């Protein structure tokens, strides 16, 4: 992670902290649970990174993501799912794929 990426992440956290109504899409209980589980996974991942590098790095990455979600209250996966849901057609919509015109009477 470069300094630019770290600064971008910190600025995102600061903005989310200042204006929570613009960025939050998770409930309070989800934030608390994400923060607790993320902290645990980050800690376990970092402590086991030398004995099991792949598992430790994966645990640390997932833990950092959950901790970010818990701190900011913003979940990018949920945001993407909500955007996809808005784009889906309703069950009442009719999609016409082919038009046939008959000239015979």
Protein backbone atom coordinates (compact mmCIF):
# COMPACT_ATOMS: atom_id res chain seq x y z
CA UNK A 1 0.00 0.00 0.00
CA UNK A 2 1.47 3.32 -1.02
CA UNK A 3 1.22 6.57 0.89
CA UNK A 4 -1.28 7.88 -1.64
CA UNK A 5 -3.62 4.91 -1.08
CA UNK A 6 -3.28 5.27 2.68
CA UNK A 7 -4.04 8.99 2.51
CA UNK A 8 -7.07 8.31 0.30
CA UNK A 9 -8.40 5.72 2.75
CA UNK A 10 -7.85 8.06 5.71
CA UNK A 11 -9.57 10.93 3.90
CA UNK A 12 -12.54 8.65 3.15
CA UNK A 13 -12.79 7.72 6.81
CA UNK A 14 -12.61 11.40 7.84
CA UNK A 15 -15.33 12.39 5.36
CA UNK A 16 -17.54 9.52 6.49
CA UNK A 17 -17.01 10.57 10.10
CA UNK A 18 -17.95 14.20 9.33
CA UNK A 19 -21.01 13.42 7.18
CA UNK A 20 -22.32 10.01 8.22
CA UNK A 21 -25.72 10.44 6.58
CA UNK A 22 -24.10 10.53 3.13
CA UNK A 23 -22.06 7.37 3.44
CA UNK A 24 -23.77 5.01 5.86
CA UNK A 25 -25.71 2.08 4.47
CA UNK A 26 -25.36 -0.34 7.39
CA UNK A 27 -27.25 -0.45 10.66
CA UNK A 28 -25.72 0.18 14.06
CA UNK A 29 -25.68 -3.51 15.01
CA UNK A 30 -23.97 -4.43 11.72
CA UNK A 31 -21.33 -1.78 12.35
CA UNK A 32 -20.62 -3.05 15.86
CA UNK A 33 -20.44 -6.66 14.72
CA UNK A 34 -18.23 -5.78 11.74
CA UNK A 35 -15.90 -3.78 13.97
CA UNK A 36 -15.54 -6.56 16.55
CA UNK A 37 -15.10 -9.39 14.02
CA UNK A 38 -12.83 -7.24 11.83
CA UNK A 39 -10.58 -6.37 14.76
CA UNK A 40 -10.34 -10.02 15.75
CA UNK A 41 -9.58 -11.24 12.21
CA UNK A 42 -7.03 -8.47 11.66
CA UNK A 43 -5.27 -9.32 14.92
CA UNK A 44 -5.28 -13.08 14.25
CA UNK A 45 -4.15 -12.56 10.68
CA UNK A 46 -1.24 -10.34 11.64
CA UNK A 47 -0.10 -12.63 14.46
CA UNK A 48 -0.17 -15.75 12.24
CA UNK A 49 1.30 -14.17 9.10
CA UNK A 50 4.75 -15.72 9.67
CA UNK A 51 3.57 -19.25 10.48
CA UNK A 52 0.85 -19.40 7.79
CA UNK A 53 1.48 -16.56 5.30
CA UNK A 54 -1.45 -17.10 2.94
CA UNK A 55 -4.04 -17.70 5.65
CA UNK A 56 -2.64 -14.85 7.76
CA UNK A 57 -2.64 -12.36 4.90
CA UNK A 58 -6.15 -13.37 3.86
CA UNK A 59 -7.43 -13.04 7.43
CA UNK A 60 -5.74 -9.65 7.82
CA UNK A 61 -7.23 -8.39 4.54
CA UNK A 62 -10.75 -9.55 5.39
CA UNK A 63 -10.38 -8.17 8.91
CA UNK A 64 -9.23 -4.79 7.59
CA UNK A 65 -12.22 -4.66 5.24
CA UNK A 66 -14.66 -5.49 8.03
CA UNK A 67 -13.00 -2.98 10.35
CA UNK A 68 -13.30 -0.28 7.67
CA UNK A 69 -16.97 -1.21 7.24
CA UNK A 70 -17.51 -1.01 11.00
CA UNK A 71 -15.79 2.35 11.38
CA UNK A 72 -17.35 4.11 8.41
CA UNK A 73 -20.72 2.36 8.25
CA UNK A 74 -20.34 2.07 4.48
CA UNK A 75 -20.37 -1.29 2.71
CA UNK A 76 -19.34 -1.14 -0.96
CA UNK A 77 -20.78 -4.62 -1.66
CA UNK A 78 -24.18 -3.59 -0.29
CA UNK A 79 -24.05 -0.35 -2.28
CA UNK A 80 -23.32 -2.27 -5.48
CA UNK A 81 -26.13 -4.74 -4.76
CA UNK A 82 -28.59 -1.89 -4.16
CA UNK A 83 -27.56 -0.24 -7.43
CA UNK A 84 -28.05 -3.52 -9.31
CA UNK A 85 -31.43 -4.00 -7.66
CA UNK A 86 -32.52 -0.53 -8.81
CA UNK A 87 -31.59 -1.42 -12.39
CA UNK A 88 -33.49 -4.72 -12.46
CA UNK A 89 -36.84 -4.82 -14.22
CA UNK A 90 -40.01 -5.19 -12.21
CA UNK A 91 -42.00 -8.36 -12.63
CA UNK A 92 -44.85 -6.35 -14.19
CA UNK A 93 -42.70 -4.99 -17.00
CA UNK A 94 -43.07 -6.48 -20.46
CA UNK A 95 -40.00 -6.76 -22.64
CA UNK A 96 -40.65 -6.95 -26.39
CA UNK A 97 -37.79 -8.64 -28.19
CA UNK A 98 -39.41 -9.29 -31.56
CA UNK A 99 -42.11 -7.58 -33.59
CA UNK A 100 -44.03 -9.34 -36.39
CA UNK A 101 -46.17 -7.37 -38.83
CA UNK A 102 -48.66 -9.30 -40.91
CA UNK A 103 -49.98 -7.81 -44.14
CA UNK A 104 -52.58 -10.53 -44.78
CA UNK A 105 -56.22 -10.07 -43.81
